[in-house]
Amino acid sequence: MNTYAVLLRGINVGGKNKIKMADLRELMEEHGFLDVRTYIQSGNVVLRSELNAEQISSRIEQLLIRSFALDSSIVRVLCLSHGQLAQAVEQAPSDFGTENERFRYDVIFCLDQNAEEVFADVPVRPEIDRAAQGPGVVYYRRPASTHPEAGRSWLSKLVGRPVYLTVTIRNWNTTLKLLDLLQEQAGSP
C-alpha cells in the first residue's frame, strides 16, 4: 500500500466548483481509497491505495465529474507519490521559502507537459519575479503584499495562457504541509 498526495485542479477556486471536503473524503473512501485526509479547501488530499498514481488520477477525475456539479473542462487531478513530492521539495532552490515577509513562494505542478515546456511558458517579470525548473514543477517567487514591488508580478498572466490548463499551483507552505502529512501516513501502520 502506497501513500499519495492528490492535487485537485479547479476545485473551490473563485467560488466555482465547490466541493465540501467532508463530501470529498466520503466519496473517496466509498470507492476504496484508504486513510483519506484533506488539507484546506482548495483540493489537497493525502491517501493510501494499491493503485498507481496514474490510475488514481484517472479514477478520481471520473468520480469528481460524475458525483459533483463541476465545470469538467477545468477540473484535473494530479497524483504524486511520496517520493515525487519529497523530490520536488528537496530540489527547490536553496533560498526558496526563506524570506516569507518579502516574497510569496509557489510551486507550479505540471499535469500534461514536462517542466521544461511549462517553464518556457511561465511569465516572469525581470527584476520582480524569479522562476526555476524542478522535477515536474516550476518554482516561482514573487513579491509579498508588504514588498515595495507588490502587485507587479506577472504570475497572474499565467491564467490567460494555454499552459495554465496544464498546471496546478500550490503555495510553498501547502506543499510542505502535504509532505508532512504523507510522512505521517507513511509512518503509521
C-alpha atoms as a PDB file:
ATOM      1  CA  MET A   1       0.000   0.000   0.000  1.00  0.00           C
ATOM      2  CA  ASN A   2       1.441   3.368  -1.063  1.00  0.00           C
ATOM      3  CA  THR A   3       0.768   6.895   0.131  1.00  0.00           C
ATOM      4  CA  TYR A   4      -0.025   9.666  -2.306  1.00  0.00           C
ATOM      5  CA  ALA A   5      -0.701  13.387  -2.416  1.00  0.00           C
ATOM      6  CA  VAL A   6      -3.585  14.178  -4.742  1.00  0.00           C
ATOM      7  CA  LEU A   7      -3.886  17.725  -6.078  1.00  0.00           C
ATOM      8  CA  LEU A   8      -7.268  18.673  -7.490  1.00  0.00           C
ATOM      9  CA  ARG A   9      -7.112  21.454 -10.053  1.00  0.00           C
ATOM     10  CA  GLY A  10     -10.068  23.834 -10.348  1.00  0.00           C
ATOM     11  CA  ILE A  11     -11.793  22.915  -7.074  1.00  0.00           C
ATOM     12  CA  ASN A  12     -13.153  25.630  -4.726  1.00  0.00           C
ATOM     13  CA  VAL A  13     -11.462  28.428  -6.652  1.00  0.00           C
ATOM     14  CA  GLY A  14     -13.170  31.777  -7.114  1.00  0.00           C
ATOM     15  CA  GLY A  15     -16.488  30.455  -5.855  1.00  0.00           C
ATOM     16  CA  LYS A  16     -16.642  27.813  -8.599  1.00  0.00           C
ATOM     17  CA  ASN A  17     -16.648  24.028  -8.499  1.00  0.00           C
ATOM     18  CA  LYS A  18     -17.476  23.934  -4.815  1.00  0.00           C
ATOM     19  CA  ILE A  19     -16.943  20.653  -3.022  1.00  0.00           C
ATOM     20  CA  LYS A  20     -17.092  20.207   0.733  1.00  0.00           C
ATOM     21  CA  MET A  21     -14.007  18.381   1.892  1.00  0.00           C
ATOM     22  CA  ALA A  22     -16.124  16.045   4.046  1.00  0.00           C
ATOM     23  CA  ASP A  23     -18.071  15.039   0.922  1.00  0.00           C
ATOM     24  CA  LEU A  24     -14.836  14.535  -0.986  1.00  0.00           C
ATOM     25  CA  ARG A  25     -13.381  12.315   1.761  1.00  0.00           C
ATOM     26  CA  GLU A  26     -16.575  10.271   1.909  1.00  0.00           C
ATOM     27  CA  LEU A  27     -16.628   9.778  -1.871  1.00  0.00           C
ATOM     28  CA  MET A  28     -13.025   8.613  -1.942  1.00  0.00           C
ATOM     29  CA  GLU A  29     -13.485   6.243   0.982  1.00  0.00           C
ATOM     30  CA  GLU A  30     -16.622   4.776  -0.649  1.00  0.00           C
ATOM     31  CA  HIS A  31     -14.525   3.983  -3.715  1.00  0.00           C
ATOM     32  CA  GLY A  32     -11.749   2.131  -1.951  1.00  0.00           C
ATOM     33  CA  PHE A  33      -9.198   4.770  -1.031  1.00  0.00           C
ATOM     34  CA  LEU A  34      -7.848   4.428   2.498  1.00  0.00           C
ATOM     35  CA  ASP A  35      -6.831   6.877   5.228  1.00  0.00           C
ATOM     36  CA  VAL A  36      -8.169   9.796   3.200  1.00  0.00           C
ATOM     37  CA  ARG A  37      -7.247  13.180   4.641  1.00  0.00           C
ATOM     38  CA  THR A  38      -7.895  16.586   3.131  1.00  0.00           C
ATOM     39  CA  TYR A  39      -5.972  19.775   3.743  1.00  0.00           C
ATOM     40  CA  ILE A  40      -7.620  23.194   3.402  1.00  0.00           C
ATOM     41  CA  GLN A  41     -10.458  23.777   0.952  1.00  0.00           C
ATOM     42  CA  SER A  42      -8.527  24.013  -2.314  1.00  0.00           C
ATOM     43  CA  GLY A  43      -8.388  20.332  -3.218  1.00  0.00           C
ATOM     44  CA  ASN A  44      -5.458  18.764  -1.417  1.00  0.00           C
ATOM     45  CA  VAL A  45      -5.796  15.117  -0.424  1.00  0.00           C
ATOM     46  CA  VAL A  46      -3.497  12.541   1.123  1.00  0.00           C
ATOM     47  CA  LEU A  47      -4.493   8.897   0.856  1.00  0.00           C
ATOM     48  CA  ARG A  48      -3.346   5.308   0.601  1.00  0.00           C
ATOM     49  CA  SER A  49      -4.029   2.983  -2.296  1.00  0.00           C
ATOM     50  CA  GLU A  50      -2.744  -0.098  -4.067  1.00  0.00           C
ATOM     51  CA  LEU A  51      -3.363   1.625  -7.415  1.00  0.00           C
ATOM     52  CA  ASN A  52      -0.551   3.511  -9.123  1.00  0.00           C
ATOM     53  CA  ALA A  53      -0.542   7.308  -9.423  1.00  0.00           C
ATOM     54  CA  GLU A  54      -1.886   7.361 -12.987  1.00  0.00           C
ATOM     55  CA  GLN A  55      -4.772   5.039 -12.092  1.00  0.00           C
ATOM     56  CA  ILE A  56      -5.625   7.147  -9.048  1.00  0.00           C
ATOM     57  CA  SER A  57      -5.644  10.385 -11.064  1.00  0.00           C
ATOM     58  CA  SER A  58      -7.928   8.922 -13.701  1.00  0.00           C
ATOM     59  CA  ARG A  59     -10.287   7.320 -11.210  1.00  0.00           C
ATOM     60  CA  ILE A  60     -10.650  10.407  -9.020  1.00  0.00           C
ATOM     61  CA  GLU A  61     -11.141  12.685 -12.021  1.00  0.00           C
ATOM     62  CA  GLN A  62     -14.004  10.456 -13.222  1.00  0.00           C
ATOM     63  CA  LEU A  63     -15.515  10.273  -9.723  1.00  0.00           C
ATOM     64  CA  LEU A  64     -15.459  14.064  -9.351  1.00  0.00           C
ATOM     65  CA  ILE A  65     -17.168  14.674 -12.680  1.00  0.00           C
ATOM     66  CA  ARG A  66     -19.838  12.018 -12.043  1.00  0.00           C
ATOM     67  CA  SER A  67     -20.502  12.945  -8.409  1.00  0.00           C
ATOM     68  CA  PHE A  68     -20.435  16.736  -8.287  1.00  0.00           C
ATOM     69  CA  ALA A  69     -21.783  19.569 -10.456  1.00  0.00           C
ATOM     70  CA  LEU A  70     -18.464  20.785 -11.835  1.00  0.00           C
ATOM     71  CA  ASP A  71     -17.103  22.579 -14.864  1.00  0.00           C
ATOM     72  CA  SER A  72     -15.232  19.488 -16.005  1.00  0.00           C
ATOM     73  CA  SER A  73     -13.175  21.440 -18.545  1.00  0.00           C
ATOM     74  CA  ILE A  74     -11.004  22.881 -15.768  1.00  0.00           C
ATOM     75  CA  VAL A  75     -11.046  20.010 -13.276  1.00  0.00           C
ATOM     76  CA  ARG A  76      -7.900  17.899 -13.361  1.00  0.00           C
ATOM     77  CA  VAL A  77      -6.230  15.569 -10.903  1.00  0.00           C
ATOM     78  CA  LEU A  78      -2.532  15.113 -10.250  1.00  0.00           C
ATOM     79  CA  CYS A  79      -1.437  12.249  -8.041  1.00  0.00           C
ATOM     80  CA  LEU A  80       2.091  12.341  -6.643  1.00  0.00           C
ATOM     81  CA  SER A  81       3.868   9.552  -4.822  1.00  0.00           C
ATOM     82  CA  HIS A  82       5.557  10.312  -1.536  1.00  0.00           C
ATOM     83  CA  GLY A  83       8.896  10.147  -3.346  1.00  0.00           C
ATOM     84  CA  GLN A  84       7.818  12.540  -6.113  1.00  0.00           C
ATOM     85  CA  LEU A  85       6.608  15.184  -3.654  1.00  0.00           C
ATOM     86  CA  ALA A  86       9.709  14.746  -1.483  1.00  0.00           C
ATOM     87  CA  GLN A  87      11.917  15.198  -4.549  1.00  0.00           C
ATOM     88  CA  ALA A  88      10.079  18.387  -5.543  1.00  0.00           C
ATOM     89  CA  VAL A  89      10.644  19.800  -2.045  1.00  0.00           C
ATOM     90  CA  GLU A  90      14.260  18.650  -1.773  1.00  0.00           C
ATOM     91  CA  GLN A  91      15.245  20.075  -5.173  1.00  0.00           C
ATOM     92  CA  ALA A  92      13.784  23.529  -4.626  1.00  0.00           C
ATOM     93  CA  PRO A  93      16.302  26.369  -4.943  1.00  0.00           C
ATOM     94  CA  SER A  94      18.275  26.712  -1.716  1.00  0.00           C
ATOM     95  CA  ASP A  95      16.745  30.100  -0.844  1.00  0.00           C
ATOM     96  CA  PHE A  96      13.187  29.118  -1.805  1.00  0.00           C
ATOM     97  CA  GLY A  97      10.767  29.839   1.029  1.00  0.00           C
ATOM     98  CA  THR A  98      13.304  31.631   3.199  1.00  0.00           C
ATOM     99  CA  GLU A  99      12.020  35.227   3.089  1.00  0.00           C
ATOM    100  CA  ASN A 100       8.294  34.914   3.755  1.00  0.00           C
ATOM    101  CA  GLU A 101       7.954  38.543   4.834  1.00  0.00           C
ATOM    102  CA  ARG A 102       9.210  39.794   1.466  1.00  0.00           C
ATOM    103  CA  PHE A 103       8.147  37.126  -1.011  1.00  0.00           C
ATOM    104  CA  ARG A 104       5.417  34.605  -1.844  1.00  0.00           C
ATOM    105  CA  TYR A 105       6.553  31.196  -2.989  1.00  0.00           C
ATOM    106  CA  ASP A 106       4.504  28.992  -5.301  1.00  0.00           C
ATOM    107  CA  VAL A 107       5.062  25.563  -6.777  1.00  0.00           C
ATOM    108  CA  ILE A 108       3.587  25.087 -10.238  1.00  0.00           C
ATOM    109  CA  PHE A 109       2.921  21.358 -10.647  1.00  0.00           C
ATOM    110  CA  CYS A 110       2.890  20.099 -14.235  1.00  0.00           C
ATOM    111  CA  LEU A 111      -0.045  17.948 -15.366  1.00  0.00           C
ATOM    112  CA  ASP A 112       0.345  17.337 -19.109  1.00  0.00           C
ATOM    113  CA  GLN A 113       3.580  18.978 -20.085  1.00  0.00           C
ATOM    114  CA  ASN A 114       7.070  18.447 -18.813  1.00  0.00           C
ATOM    115  CA  ALA A 115       8.597  21.082 -16.557  1.00  0.00           C
ATOM    116  CA  GLU A 116      10.880  22.392 -19.291  1.00  0.00           C
ATOM    117  CA  GLU A 117       7.903  23.229 -21.553  1.00  0.00           C
ATOM    118  CA  VAL A 118       5.953  24.807 -18.693  1.00  0.00           C
ATOM    119  CA  PHE A 119       8.986  26.786 -17.528  1.00  0.00           C
ATOM    120  CA  ALA A 120       9.397  28.225 -21.035  1.00  0.00           C
ATOM    121  CA  ASP A 121       5.771  29.425 -20.959  1.00  0.00           C
ATOM    122  CA  VAL A 122       5.579  30.847 -17.432  1.00  0.00           C
ATOM    123  CA  PRO A 123       5.616  34.661 -17.481  1.00  0.00           C
ATOM    124  CA  VAL A 124       8.413  36.141 -15.379  1.00  0.00           C
ATOM    125  CA  ARG A 125       8.791  39.864 -14.940  1.00  0.00           C
ATOM    126  CA  PRO A 126      12.527  40.640 -14.868  1.00  0.00           C
ATOM    127  CA  GLU A 127      13.785  42.114 -11.601  1.00  0.00           C
ATOM    128  CA  ILE A 128      10.445  41.277  -9.885  1.00  0.00           C
ATOM    129  CA  ASP A 129       9.827  37.550 -10.256  1.00  0.00           C
ATOM    130  CA  ARG A 130      12.092  34.551 -10.146  1.00  0.00           C
ATOM    131  CA  ALA A 131      11.356  31.098 -11.535  1.00  0.00           C
ATOM    132  CA  ALA A 132      13.321  27.862 -11.589  1.00  0.00           C
ATOM    133  CA  GLN A 133      12.635  24.493 -13.116  1.00  0.00           C
ATOM    134  CA  GLY A 134      12.480  21.366 -10.970  1.00  0.00           C
ATOM    135  CA  PRO A 135      11.357  17.733 -11.203  1.00  0.00           C
ATOM    136  CA  GLY A 136       7.844  18.018 -12.651  1.00  0.00           C
ATOM    137  CA  VAL A 137       7.470  21.507 -11.209  1.00  0.00           C
ATOM    138  CA  VAL A 138       8.341  25.146 -11.649  1.00  0.00           C
ATOM    139  CA  TYR A 139       9.266  27.117  -8.528  1.00  0.00           C
ATOM    140  CA  TYR A 140       8.027  30.706  -8.568  1.00  0.00           C
ATOM    141  CA  ARG A 141       8.955  33.574  -6.260  1.00  0.00           C
ATOM    142  CA  ARG A 142       7.054  36.867  -6.355  1.00  0.00           C
ATOM    143  CA  PRO A 143       6.785  39.928  -4.087  1.00  0.00           C
ATOM    144  CA  ALA A 144       4.581  39.622  -0.999  1.00  0.00           C
ATOM    145  CA  SER A 145       1.915  42.227  -0.259  1.00  0.00           C
ATOM    146  CA  THR A 146       4.352  44.046   2.050  1.00  0.00           C
ATOM    147  CA  HIS A 147       7.109  44.211  -0.584  1.00  0.00           C
ATOM    148  CA  PRO A 148       7.674  47.554  -2.403  1.00  0.00           C
ATOM    149  CA  GLU A 149       7.084  45.750  -5.734  1.00  0.00           C
ATOM    150  CA  ALA A 150       3.824  44.089  -4.590  1.00  0.00           C
ATOM    151  CA  GLY A 151       1.284  43.674  -7.358  1.00  0.00           C
ATOM    152  CA  ARG A 152       3.863  43.911 -10.116  1.00  0.00           C
ATOM    153  CA  SER A 153       4.410  40.174 -10.560  1.00  0.00           C
ATOM    154  CA  TRP A 154       3.500  38.577 -13.865  1.00  0.00           C
ATOM    155  CA  LEU A 155       2.291  35.293 -12.326  1.00  0.00           C
ATOM    156  CA  SER A 156      -1.334  36.382 -12.774  1.00  0.00           C
ATOM    157  CA  LYS A 157      -0.696  36.499 -16.557  1.00  0.00           C
ATOM    158  CA  LEU A 158      -0.362  32.716 -16.458  1.00  0.00           C
ATOM    159  CA  VAL A 159      -4.175  32.414 -16.241  1.00  0.00           C
ATOM    160  CA  GLY A 160      -4.582  33.788 -19.766  1.00  0.00           C
ATOM    161  CA  ARG A 161      -2.139  31.373 -21.358  1.00  0.00           C
ATOM    162  CA  PRO A 162      -2.916  27.900 -22.729  1.00  0.00           C
ATOM    163  CA  VAL A 163      -0.274  26.414 -20.414  1.00  0.00           C
ATOM    164  CA  TYR A 164      -2.489  27.326 -17.432  1.00  0.00           C
ATOM    165  CA  LEU A 165      -4.783  24.393 -18.226  1.00  0.00           C
ATOM    166  CA  THR A 166      -1.821  22.025 -17.877  1.00  0.00           C
ATOM    167  CA  VAL A 167      -0.752  23.012 -14.351  1.00  0.00           C
ATOM    168  CA  THR A 168      -1.988  23.290 -10.790  1.00  0.00           C
ATOM    169  CA  ILE A 169      -0.407  25.688  -8.303  1.00  0.00           C
ATOM    170  CA  ARG A 170       0.186  25.327  -4.568  1.00  0.00           C
ATOM    171  CA  ASN A 171       1.942  27.750  -2.273  1.00  0.00           C
ATOM    172  CA  TRP A 172       5.128  26.560  -0.637  1.00  0.00           C
ATOM    173  CA  ASN A 173       3.602  26.187   2.832  1.00  0.00           C
ATOM    174  CA  THR A 174       0.837  23.946   1.471  1.00  0.00           C
ATOM    175  CA  THR A 175       3.415  21.875  -0.410  1.00  0.00           C
ATOM    176  CA  LEU A 176       5.439  21.394   2.776  1.00  0.00           C
ATOM    177  CA  LYS A 177       2.323  20.512   4.783  1.00  0.00           C
ATOM    178  CA  LEU A 178       1.312  17.875   2.234  1.00  0.00           C
ATOM    179  CA  LEU A 179       4.751  16.319   2.501  1.00  0.00           C
ATOM    180  CA  ASP A 180       4.411  16.288   6.313  1.00  0.00           C
ATOM    181  CA  LEU A 181       1.023  14.572   6.007  1.00  0.00           C
ATOM    182  CA  LEU A 182       2.482  11.985   3.640  1.00  0.00           C
ATOM    183  CA  GLN A 183       5.321  11.299   6.047  1.00  0.00           C
ATOM    184  CA  GLU A 184       2.844  10.871   8.917  1.00  0.00           C
ATOM    185  CA  GLN A 185       0.787   8.395   6.898  1.00  0.00           C
ATOM    186  CA  ALA A 186       3.822   6.503   5.684  1.00  0.00           C
ATOM    187  CA  GLY A 187       4.934   6.094   9.299  1.00  0.00           C
ATOM    188  CA  SER A 188       1.598   4.717  10.507  1.00  0.00           C
ATOM    189  CA  PRO A 189       0.676   1.035  10.074  1.00  0.00           C
END
